[in-house]
């Protein structure tokens, strides 16, 4: 299955245990190994075929575990916990003068880490945890800036984020939402277009031209925020669907790190959009 989710997509489909197995005797230049079955004896020199004293031949295969929902939940808790821990440390101890540079640098580095992890054939857990730590610095810095402007906005944004995620999961399961290829393509295009727009706006803001968020048209700002939240929710649906499909197909256990990574990226994005929306409503 090829995902259209920008985070969960990768060059190949889910890695399944059958793709991880090794078959002795079938390498390049090696003779084809005779296939045997339980109870079938492998003939030895001087012994008749099927001698009861002969032990059954057992092929040497590598047993690989399959991804389960428990794996995904556990690893998602680890990555989100890393984000929360580093964000809390940044929020409590980073000096005010360092917040803006930390916000920008951590945001750009975490964006590059997302691209690095997303396009690797197999996810390295160390990269996922490194992303979570860097993203935590970004979250902590931006949260402290917003909290200094609007007291109490950070707890409200956190609760809104988890409520939106829980509501999305509930709707996905209750209404049995079917993700079509057309829906995936639309979300895929919209996500990259929105991310590109934000990146261009960030670069132009360095030169004093913040064309997205630098004016007081509240309806325009609310519209941009609504688009961001909508795309984040749609990506959550893609995450849920892709994880469900991966489990059903028997994906390799290591792929649970990719699933946890995708959920973490989407949750962080949803939190930022909630934080921005609440700031507009508080004005």
C-alpha atoms as a PDB file:
ATOM      1  CA  UNK A   1       0.000   0.000   0.000  1.00  0.00           C
ATOM      2  CA  UNK A   2       1.437   3.367  -1.005  1.00  0.00           C
ATOM      3  CA  UNK A   3       0.445   6.199   1.331  1.00  0.00           C
ATOM      4  CA  UNK A   4      -0.305   9.723   0.194  1.00  0.00           C
ATOM      5  CA  UNK A   5       0.296  11.094   3.694  1.00  0.00           C
ATOM      6  CA  UNK A   6       3.361  13.358   3.425  1.00  0.00           C
ATOM      7  CA  UNK A   7       4.717  12.030   6.715  1.00  0.00           C
ATOM      8  CA  UNK A   8       3.897   8.337   6.448  1.00  0.00           C
ATOM      9  CA  UNK A   9       4.786   8.077   2.755  1.00  0.00           C
ATOM     10  CA  UNK A  10       8.036   6.363   1.850  1.00  0.00           C
ATOM     11  CA  UNK A  11       9.614   4.760  -1.221  1.00  0.00           C
ATOM     12  CA  UNK A  12       8.102   1.340  -0.485  1.00  0.00           C
ATOM     13  CA  UNK A  13       4.969   0.043   1.195  1.00  0.00           C
ATOM     14  CA  UNK A  14       4.875  -1.231   4.756  1.00  0.00           C
ATOM     15  CA  UNK A  15       7.652  -3.750   5.402  1.00  0.00           C
ATOM     16  CA  UNK A  16       6.007  -7.095   6.126  1.00  0.00           C
ATOM     17  CA  UNK A  17       7.622 -10.032   7.930  1.00  0.00           C
ATOM     18  CA  UNK A  18       7.798 -12.036   4.719  1.00  0.00           C
ATOM     19  CA  UNK A  19      10.037  -9.349   3.259  1.00  0.00           C
ATOM     20  CA  UNK A  20      12.338  -9.611   6.261  1.00  0.00           C
ATOM     21  CA  UNK A  21      12.814 -13.408   6.146  1.00  0.00           C
ATOM     22  CA  UNK A  22      15.991 -15.011   4.930  1.00  0.00           C
ATOM     23  CA  UNK A  23      15.888 -18.274   3.006  1.00  0.00           C
ATOM     24  CA  UNK A  24      19.101 -20.309   3.170  1.00  0.00           C
ATOM     25  CA  UNK A  25      20.287 -21.793  -0.046  1.00  0.00           C
ATOM     26  CA  UNK A  26      18.425 -19.285  -2.219  1.00  0.00           C
ATOM     27  CA  UNK A  27      21.095 -16.608  -2.412  1.00  0.00           C
ATOM     28  CA  UNK A  28      22.866 -15.668  -5.597  1.00  0.00           C
ATOM     29  CA  UNK A  29      24.890 -18.536  -6.933  1.00  0.00           C
ATOM     30  CA  UNK A  30      23.541 -20.982  -4.321  1.00  0.00           C
ATOM     31  CA  UNK A  31      21.602 -24.110  -5.309  1.00  0.00           C
ATOM     32  CA  UNK A  32      17.878 -24.132  -4.751  1.00  0.00           C
ATOM     33  CA  UNK A  33      17.007 -25.587  -1.328  1.00  0.00           C
ATOM     34  CA  UNK A  34      14.592 -28.484  -1.318  1.00  0.00           C
ATOM     35  CA  UNK A  35      11.255 -27.590   0.250  1.00  0.00           C
ATOM     36  CA  UNK A  36      10.196 -29.757   3.187  1.00  0.00           C
ATOM     37  CA  UNK A  37       7.128 -29.969   5.346  1.00  0.00           C
ATOM     38  CA  UNK A  38       6.457 -30.808   9.012  1.00  0.00           C
ATOM     39  CA  UNK A  39       6.876 -34.518   9.600  1.00  0.00           C
ATOM     40  CA  UNK A  40       8.853 -34.996   6.415  1.00  0.00           C
ATOM     41  CA  UNK A  41      12.333 -36.379   7.047  1.00  0.00           C
ATOM     42  CA  UNK A  42      15.353 -34.953   5.305  1.00  0.00           C
ATOM     43  CA  UNK A  43      17.256 -37.924   3.794  1.00  0.00           C
ATOM     44  CA  UNK A  44      20.780 -38.514   5.050  1.00  0.00           C
ATOM     45  CA  UNK A  45      23.452 -40.523   3.236  1.00  0.00           C
ATOM     46  CA  UNK A  46      22.794 -44.212   3.652  1.00  0.00           C
ATOM     47  CA  UNK A  47      19.279 -43.726   5.010  1.00  0.00           C
ATOM     48  CA  UNK A  48      16.034 -44.345   3.142  1.00  0.00           C
ATOM     49  CA  UNK A  49      13.756 -41.397   2.527  1.00  0.00           C
ATOM     50  CA  UNK A  50      11.271 -40.964   5.350  1.00  0.00           C
ATOM     51  CA  UNK A  51      13.263 -42.937   7.964  1.00  0.00           C
ATOM     52  CA  UNK A  52      11.334 -42.497  11.254  1.00  0.00           C
ATOM     53  CA  UNK A  53      14.617 -42.131  13.167  1.00  0.00           C
ATOM     54  CA  UNK A  54      15.517 -39.075  11.174  1.00  0.00           C
ATOM     55  CA  UNK A  55      14.634 -35.672  12.644  1.00  0.00           C
ATOM     56  CA  UNK A  56      12.427 -33.423  10.478  1.00  0.00           C
ATOM     57  CA  UNK A  57      14.356 -30.817   8.582  1.00  0.00           C
ATOM     58  CA  UNK A  58      13.553 -27.305   9.847  1.00  0.00           C
ATOM     59  CA  UNK A  59      14.342 -24.429   7.506  1.00  0.00           C
ATOM     60  CA  UNK A  60      16.307 -21.619   9.124  1.00  0.00           C
ATOM     61  CA  UNK A  61      14.155 -18.491   8.867  1.00  0.00           C
ATOM     62  CA  UNK A  62      14.279 -15.199  10.696  1.00  0.00           C
ATOM     63  CA  UNK A  63      11.123 -14.641  12.723  1.00  0.00           C
ATOM     64  CA  UNK A  64      10.041 -11.019  12.681  1.00  0.00           C
ATOM     65  CA  UNK A  65       7.252  -9.589  14.815  1.00  0.00           C
ATOM     66  CA  UNK A  66       4.303  -7.755  13.375  1.00  0.00           C
ATOM     67  CA  UNK A  67       3.127  -4.267  14.200  1.00  0.00           C
ATOM     68  CA  UNK A  68       0.223  -4.066  16.616  1.00  0.00           C
ATOM     69  CA  UNK A  69      -1.899  -1.213  17.906  1.00  0.00           C
ATOM     70  CA  UNK A  70      -0.198  -1.669  21.298  1.00  0.00           C
ATOM     71  CA  UNK A  71       3.200  -1.024  19.667  1.00  0.00           C
ATOM     72  CA  UNK A  72       1.921   2.107  17.985  1.00  0.00           C
ATOM     73  CA  UNK A  73       0.346   3.456  21.181  1.00  0.00           C
ATOM     74  CA  UNK A  74       3.457   2.749  23.243  1.00  0.00           C
ATOM     75  CA  UNK A  75       5.860   4.385  20.820  1.00  0.00           C
ATOM     76  CA  UNK A  76       3.506   7.325  20.278  1.00  0.00           C
ATOM     77  CA  UNK A  77       3.419   7.855  24.047  1.00  0.00           C
ATOM     78  CA  UNK A  78       7.240   7.805  24.103  1.00  0.00           C
ATOM     79  CA  UNK A  79       7.620  10.359  21.305  1.00  0.00           C
ATOM     80  CA  UNK A  80       4.869  12.658  22.585  1.00  0.00           C
ATOM     81  CA  UNK A  81       6.329  12.348  26.079  1.00  0.00           C
ATOM     82  CA  UNK A  82       9.710  13.451  24.745  1.00  0.00           C
ATOM     83  CA  UNK A  83       8.080  16.443  23.063  1.00  0.00           C
ATOM     84  CA  UNK A  84       6.239  17.367  26.268  1.00  0.00           C
ATOM     85  CA  UNK A  85       9.338  16.973  28.478  1.00  0.00           C
ATOM     86  CA  UNK A  86      11.646  19.134  26.352  1.00  0.00           C
ATOM     87  CA  UNK A  87       8.861  21.673  25.816  1.00  0.00           C
ATOM     88  CA  UNK A  88       8.305  21.958  29.583  1.00  0.00           C
ATOM     89  CA  UNK A  89      12.037  22.433  30.242  1.00  0.00           C
ATOM     90  CA  UNK A  90      12.251  25.084  27.529  1.00  0.00           C
ATOM     91  CA  UNK A  91       9.139  26.834  28.826  1.00  0.00           C
ATOM     92  CA  UNK A  92      10.392  26.945  32.419  1.00  0.00           C
ATOM     93  CA  UNK A  93      14.104  27.658  32.060  1.00  0.00           C
ATOM     94  CA  UNK A  94      14.855  29.331  28.700  1.00  0.00           C
ATOM     95  CA  UNK A  95      15.528  33.086  29.051  1.00  0.00           C
ATOM     96  CA  UNK A  96      13.137  35.426  27.287  1.00  0.00           C
ATOM     97  CA  UNK A  97      15.877  36.770  25.016  1.00  0.00           C
ATOM     98  CA  UNK A  98      16.574  33.302  23.601  1.00  0.00           C
ATOM     99  CA  UNK A  99      12.993  32.405  22.769  1.00  0.00           C
ATOM    100  CA  UNK A 100      12.771  33.892  19.285  1.00  0.00           C
ATOM    101  CA  UNK A 101      16.098  32.446  18.019  1.00  0.00           C
ATOM    102  CA  UNK A 102      15.218  29.054  19.542  1.00  0.00           C
ATOM    103  CA  UNK A 103      11.770  29.201  17.943  1.00  0.00           C
ATOM    104  CA  UNK A 104      13.187  29.826  14.455  1.00  0.00           C
ATOM    105  CA  UNK A 105      16.205  27.499  14.606  1.00  0.00           C
ATOM    106  CA  UNK A 106      14.357  24.585  16.197  1.00  0.00           C
ATOM    107  CA  UNK A 107      11.484  24.997  13.736  1.00  0.00           C
ATOM    108  CA  UNK A 108      13.778  24.833  10.700  1.00  0.00           C
ATOM    109  CA  UNK A 109      15.851  21.946  12.090  1.00  0.00           C
ATOM    110  CA  UNK A 110      12.747  19.925  12.986  1.00  0.00           C
ATOM    111  CA  UNK A 111      11.339  20.529   9.490  1.00  0.00           C
ATOM    112  CA  UNK A 112      14.553  19.132   7.996  1.00  0.00           C
ATOM    113  CA  UNK A 113      14.392  16.161  10.380  1.00  0.00           C
ATOM    114  CA  UNK A 114      10.836  15.442   9.227  1.00  0.00           C
ATOM    115  CA  UNK A 115      12.008  15.251   5.629  1.00  0.00           C
ATOM    116  CA  UNK A 116      14.972  13.059   6.588  1.00  0.00           C
ATOM    117  CA  UNK A 117      12.859  10.552   8.513  1.00  0.00           C
ATOM    118  CA  UNK A 118       9.970  10.556   6.035  1.00  0.00           C
ATOM    119  CA  UNK A 119      11.981   9.493   3.019  1.00  0.00           C
ATOM    120  CA  UNK A 120      14.147   6.835   4.658  1.00  0.00           C
ATOM    121  CA  UNK A 121      13.402   3.241   3.692  1.00  0.00           C
ATOM    122  CA  UNK A 122      13.417   2.186   7.334  1.00  0.00           C
ATOM    123  CA  UNK A 123      12.864   4.485  10.290  1.00  0.00           C
ATOM    124  CA  UNK A 124      15.638   4.847  12.843  1.00  0.00           C
ATOM    125  CA  UNK A 125      14.144   5.248  16.352  1.00  0.00           C
ATOM    126  CA  UNK A 126      17.040   7.561  17.289  1.00  0.00           C
ATOM    127  CA  UNK A 127      16.014   9.999  14.532  1.00  0.00           C
ATOM    128  CA  UNK A 128      12.400   9.921  15.729  1.00  0.00           C
ATOM    129  CA  UNK A 129      13.415  10.718  19.301  1.00  0.00           C
ATOM    130  CA  UNK A 130      15.818  13.417  18.073  1.00  0.00           C
ATOM    131  CA  UNK A 131      12.954  14.997  16.157  1.00  0.00           C
ATOM    132  CA  UNK A 132      10.762  14.858  19.282  1.00  0.00           C
ATOM    133  CA  UNK A 133      13.435  16.594  21.368  1.00  0.00           C
ATOM    134  CA  UNK A 134      14.014  19.355  18.791  1.00  0.00           C
ATOM    135  CA  UNK A 135      10.285  19.829  18.291  1.00  0.00           C
ATOM    136  CA  UNK A 136       9.894  20.110  22.048  1.00  0.00           C
ATOM    137  CA  UNK A 137      12.268  23.081  22.087  1.00  0.00           C
ATOM    138  CA  UNK A 138      10.217  24.678  19.309  1.00  0.00           C
ATOM    139  CA  UNK A 139       6.932  24.030  21.140  1.00  0.00           C
ATOM    140  CA  UNK A 140       8.293  25.285  24.448  1.00  0.00           C
ATOM    141  CA  UNK A 141       9.655  28.510  22.973  1.00  0.00           C
ATOM    142  CA  UNK A 142       6.563  29.413  20.961  1.00  0.00           C
ATOM    143  CA  UNK A 143       4.276  28.479  23.855  1.00  0.00           C
ATOM    144  CA  UNK A 144       6.153  30.755  26.252  1.00  0.00           C
ATOM    145  CA  UNK A 145       5.887  33.670  23.810  1.00  0.00           C
ATOM    146  CA  UNK A 146       2.143  33.153  23.363  1.00  0.00           C
ATOM    147  CA  UNK A 147       1.605  32.686  27.108  1.00  0.00           C
ATOM    148  CA  UNK A 148       3.351  36.005  27.812  1.00  0.00           C
ATOM    149  CA  UNK A 149       0.875  37.704  25.471  1.00  0.00           C
ATOM    150  CA  UNK A 150      -2.299  35.765  26.373  1.00  0.00           C
ATOM    151  CA  UNK A 151      -2.322  34.313  29.886  1.00  0.00           C
ATOM    152  CA  UNK A 152      -3.800  30.816  30.045  1.00  0.00           C
ATOM    153  CA  UNK A 153      -3.715  30.194  26.311  1.00  0.00           C
ATOM    154  CA  UNK A 154      -1.288  27.237  26.455  1.00  0.00           C
ATOM    155  CA  UNK A 155      -3.437  24.925  28.658  1.00  0.00           C
ATOM    156  CA  UNK A 156      -6.457  25.790  26.507  1.00  0.00           C
ATOM    157  CA  UNK A 157      -4.514  24.938  23.323  1.00  0.00           C
ATOM    158  CA  UNK A 158      -3.324  21.614  24.759  1.00  0.00           C
ATOM    159  CA  UNK A 159      -6.843  20.587  25.781  1.00  0.00           C
ATOM    160  CA  UNK A 160      -8.259  21.703  22.420  1.00  0.00           C
ATOM    161  CA  UNK A 161      -5.633  19.676  20.557  1.00  0.00           C
ATOM    162  CA  UNK A 162      -6.359  16.420  22.378  1.00  0.00           C
ATOM    163  CA  UNK A 163     -10.099  17.007  22.189  1.00  0.00           C
ATOM    164  CA  UNK A 164      -9.882  17.520  18.420  1.00  0.00           C
ATOM    165  CA  UNK A 165      -7.726  14.391  18.026  1.00  0.00           C
ATOM    166  CA  UNK A 166     -10.108  12.298  20.148  1.00  0.00           C
ATOM    167  CA  UNK A 167     -13.121  13.614  18.229  1.00  0.00           C
ATOM    168  CA  UNK A 168     -11.427  12.801  14.919  1.00  0.00           C
ATOM    169  CA  UNK A 169     -10.635   9.254  16.051  1.00  0.00           C
ATOM    170  CA  UNK A 170     -14.183   8.814  17.332  1.00  0.00           C
ATOM    171  CA  UNK A 171     -15.676  10.005  14.057  1.00  0.00           C
ATOM    172  CA  UNK A 172     -13.293   7.779  12.090  1.00  0.00           C
ATOM    173  CA  UNK A 173     -14.331   4.672  14.014  1.00  0.00           C
ATOM    174  CA  UNK A 174     -18.006   5.519  14.553  1.00  0.00           C
ATOM    175  CA  UNK A 175     -18.796   6.503  10.979  1.00  0.00           C
ATOM    176  CA  UNK A 176     -16.289   4.035   9.505  1.00  0.00           C
ATOM    177  CA  UNK A 177     -14.729   6.657   7.289  1.00  0.00           C
ATOM    178  CA  UNK A 178     -13.290   5.174   4.110  1.00  0.00           C
ATOM    179  CA  UNK A 179     -10.203   6.908   2.791  1.00  0.00           C
ATOM    180  CA  UNK A 180     -10.212   6.978  -0.991  1.00  0.00           C
ATOM    181  CA  UNK A 181      -7.240   7.612  -3.255  1.00  0.00           C
ATOM    182  CA  UNK A 182      -8.814  10.919  -4.334  1.00  0.00           C
ATOM    183  CA  UNK A 183      -9.104  12.050  -0.709  1.00  0.00           C
ATOM    184  CA  UNK A 184      -5.466  11.119  -0.066  1.00  0.00           C
ATOM    185  CA  UNK A 185      -4.338  13.053  -3.125  1.00  0.00           C
ATOM    186  CA  UNK A 186      -6.290  16.167  -2.152  1.00  0.00           C
ATOM    187  CA  UNK A 187      -4.918  16.144   1.410  1.00  0.00           C
ATOM    188  CA  UNK A 188      -1.426  15.473   0.093  1.00  0.00           C
ATOM    189  CA  UNK A 189      -1.523  18.455  -2.284  1.00  0.00           C
ATOM    190  CA  UNK A 190      -3.185  20.743   0.245  1.00  0.00           C
ATOM    191  CA  UNK A 191      -0.661  19.906   2.958  1.00  0.00           C
ATOM    192  CA  UNK A 192       2.366  20.620   0.812  1.00  0.00           C
ATOM    193  CA  UNK A 193       0.812  23.803  -0.569  1.00  0.00           C
ATOM    194  CA  UNK A 194       0.046  25.053   2.951  1.00  0.00           C
ATOM    195  CA  UNK A 195       3.514  24.119   4.236  1.00  0.00           C
ATOM    196  CA  UNK A 196       5.136  25.854   1.277  1.00  0.00           C
ATOM    197  CA  UNK A 197       3.057  28.971   1.875  1.00  0.00           C
ATOM    198  CA  UNK A 198       4.088  29.088   5.534  1.00  0.00           C
ATOM    199  CA  UNK A 199       7.738  28.580   4.631  1.00  0.00           C
ATOM    200  CA  UNK A 200       7.675  31.402   2.070  1.00  0.00           C
ATOM    201  CA  UNK A 201       5.920  33.656   4.590  1.00  0.00           C
ATOM    202  CA  UNK A 202       8.589  32.842   7.199  1.00  0.00           C
ATOM    203  CA  UNK A 203      11.423  33.765   4.831  1.00  0.00           C
ATOM    204  CA  UNK A 204       9.696  36.981   3.755  1.00  0.00           C
ATOM    205  CA  UNK A 205       9.019  37.920   7.380  1.00  0.00           C
ATOM    206  CA  UNK A 206      12.791  38.199   7.879  1.00  0.00           C
ATOM    207  CA  UNK A 207      12.619  41.154   5.484  1.00  0.00           C
ATOM    208  CA  UNK A 208       9.590  42.722   7.146  1.00  0.00           C
ATOM    209  CA  UNK A 209       6.964  41.296   4.749  1.00  0.00           C
ATOM    210  CA  UNK A 210       4.614  39.066   6.741  1.00  0.00           C
ATOM    211  CA  UNK A 211       1.773  38.859   4.227  1.00  0.00           C
ATOM    212  CA  UNK A 212      -0.121  36.067   6.058  1.00  0.00           C
ATOM    213  CA  UNK A 213      -0.169  37.090   9.701  1.00  0.00           C
ATOM    214  CA  UNK A 214       1.136  40.661   9.654  1.00  0.00           C
ATOM    215  CA  UNK A 215      -2.172  42.549   9.371  1.00  0.00           C
ATOM    216  CA  UNK A 216      -5.329  43.009  11.401  1.00  0.00           C
ATOM    217  CA  UNK A 217      -7.969  41.478   9.103  1.00  0.00           C
ATOM    218  CA  UNK A 218      -9.430  39.036  11.631  1.00  0.00           C
ATOM    219  CA  UNK A 219     -11.633  37.248   9.089  1.00  0.00           C
ATOM    220  CA  UNK A 220      -8.647  36.537   6.879  1.00  0.00           C
ATOM    221  CA  UNK A 221      -6.613  35.285   9.846  1.00  0.00           C
ATOM    222  CA  UNK A 222      -9.454  33.053  11.039  1.00  0.00           C
ATOM    223  CA  UNK A 223      -9.796  31.656   7.519  1.00  0.00           C
ATOM    224  CA  UNK A 224      -6.087  30.777   7.342  1.00  0.00           C
ATOM    225  CA  UNK A 225      -6.278  29.156  10.777  1.00  0.00           C
ATOM    226  CA  UNK A 226      -9.371  27.160   9.807  1.00  0.00           C
ATOM    227  CA  UNK A 227      -7.573  25.836   6.717  1.00  0.00           C
ATOM    228  CA  UNK A 228      -4.603  24.779   8.844  1.00  0.00           C
ATOM    229  CA  UNK A 229      -6.748  23.010  11.433  1.00  0.00           C
ATOM    230  CA  UNK A 230      -8.797  21.300   8.718  1.00  0.00           C
ATOM    231  CA  UNK A 231      -5.681  19.981   6.968  1.00  0.00           C
ATOM    232  CA  UNK A 232      -4.235  18.764  10.277  1.00  0.00           C
ATOM    233  CA  UNK A 233      -7.469  16.887  11.061  1.00  0.00           C
ATOM    234  CA  UNK A 234      -7.528  15.348   7.570  1.00  0.00           C
ATOM    235  CA  UNK A 235      -3.941  14.189   8.066  1.00  0.00           C
ATOM    236  CA  UNK A 236      -4.992  12.569  11.333  1.00  0.00           C
ATOM    237  CA  UNK A 237      -7.583  10.603   9.383  1.00  0.00           C
ATOM    238  CA  UNK A 238      -4.881   9.489   6.946  1.00  0.00           C
ATOM    239  CA  UNK A 239      -2.704   8.494   9.895  1.00  0.00           C
ATOM    240  CA  UNK A 240      -5.460   6.380  11.438  1.00  0.00           C
ATOM    241  CA  UNK A 241      -6.310   4.729   8.127  1.00  0.00           C
ATOM    242  CA  UNK A 242      -2.718   3.980   7.197  1.00  0.00           C
ATOM    243  CA  UNK A 243      -1.927   2.496  10.614  1.00  0.00           C
ATOM    244  CA  UNK A 244      -5.049   0.353  10.433  1.00  0.00           C
ATOM    245  CA  UNK A 245      -4.105  -0.876   6.969  1.00  0.00           C
ATOM    246  CA  UNK A 246      -0.525  -1.556   8.037  1.00  0.00           C
ATOM    247  CA  UNK A 247      -1.667  -3.697  10.962  1.00  0.00           C
ATOM    248  CA  UNK A 248      -4.102  -5.580   8.726  1.00  0.00           C
ATOM    249  CA  UNK A 249      -1.334  -6.275   6.189  1.00  0.00           C
ATOM    250  CA  UNK A 250       1.043  -7.557   8.868  1.00  0.00           C
ATOM    251  CA  UNK A 251       3.594  -4.755   8.699  1.00  0.00           C
ATOM    252  CA  UNK A 252       6.944  -5.284  10.363  1.00  0.00           C
ATOM    253  CA  UNK A 253       7.089  -4.376  14.056  1.00  0.00           C
ATOM    254  CA  UNK A 254       9.701  -1.676  13.416  1.00  0.00           C
ATOM    255  CA  UNK A 255       7.156   0.213  11.318  1.00  0.00           C
ATOM    256  CA  UNK A 256       5.359   1.197  14.517  1.00  0.00           C
ATOM    257  CA  UNK A 257       8.045   3.874  14.905  1.00  0.00           C
ATOM    258  CA  UNK A 258       6.981   5.368  11.576  1.00  0.00           C
ATOM    259  CA  UNK A 259       3.362   5.347  12.713  1.00  0.00           C
ATOM    260  CA  UNK A 260       4.282   7.034  16.008  1.00  0.00           C
ATOM    261  CA  UNK A 261       6.363   9.585  14.119  1.00  0.00           C
ATOM    262  CA  UNK A 262       3.486  10.452  11.791  1.00  0.00           C
ATOM    263  CA  UNK A 263       1.043  10.869  14.659  1.00  0.00           C
ATOM    264  CA  UNK A 264       3.488  13.065  16.588  1.00  0.00           C
ATOM    265  CA  UNK A 265       4.104  15.360  13.622  1.00  0.00           C
ATOM    266  CA  UNK A 266       0.372  15.778  13.031  1.00  0.00           C
ATOM    267  CA  UNK A 267      -0.375  16.390  16.724  1.00  0.00           C
ATOM    268  CA  UNK A 268       2.314  19.071  16.942  1.00  0.00           C
ATOM    269  CA  UNK A 269       0.937  20.753  13.829  1.00  0.00           C
ATOM    270  CA  UNK A 270      -2.594  20.638  15.245  1.00  0.00           C
ATOM    271  CA  UNK A 271      -1.395  22.202  18.518  1.00  0.00           C
ATOM    272  CA  UNK A 272       0.289  25.103  16.700  1.00  0.00           C
ATOM    273  CA  UNK A 273      -2.858  25.795  14.709  1.00  0.00           C
ATOM    274  CA  UNK A 274      -4.991  25.677  17.875  1.00  0.00           C
ATOM    275  CA  UNK A 275      -2.589  28.068  19.590  1.00  0.00           C
ATOM    276  CA  UNK A 276      -2.828  30.505  16.690  1.00  0.00           C
ATOM    277  CA  UNK A 277      -6.629  30.254  16.508  1.00  0.00           C
ATOM    278  CA  UNK A 278      -7.073  30.907  20.229  1.00  0.00           C
ATOM    279  CA  UNK A 279      -4.754  33.917  20.007  1.00  0.00           C
ATOM    280  CA  UNK A 280      -6.999  35.434  17.325  1.00  0.00           C
ATOM    281  CA  UNK A 281     -10.096  34.845  19.443  1.00  0.00           C
ATOM    282  CA  UNK A 282      -8.424  36.447  22.470  1.00  0.00           C
ATOM    283  CA  UNK A 283      -7.666  39.678  20.620  1.00  0.00           C
END
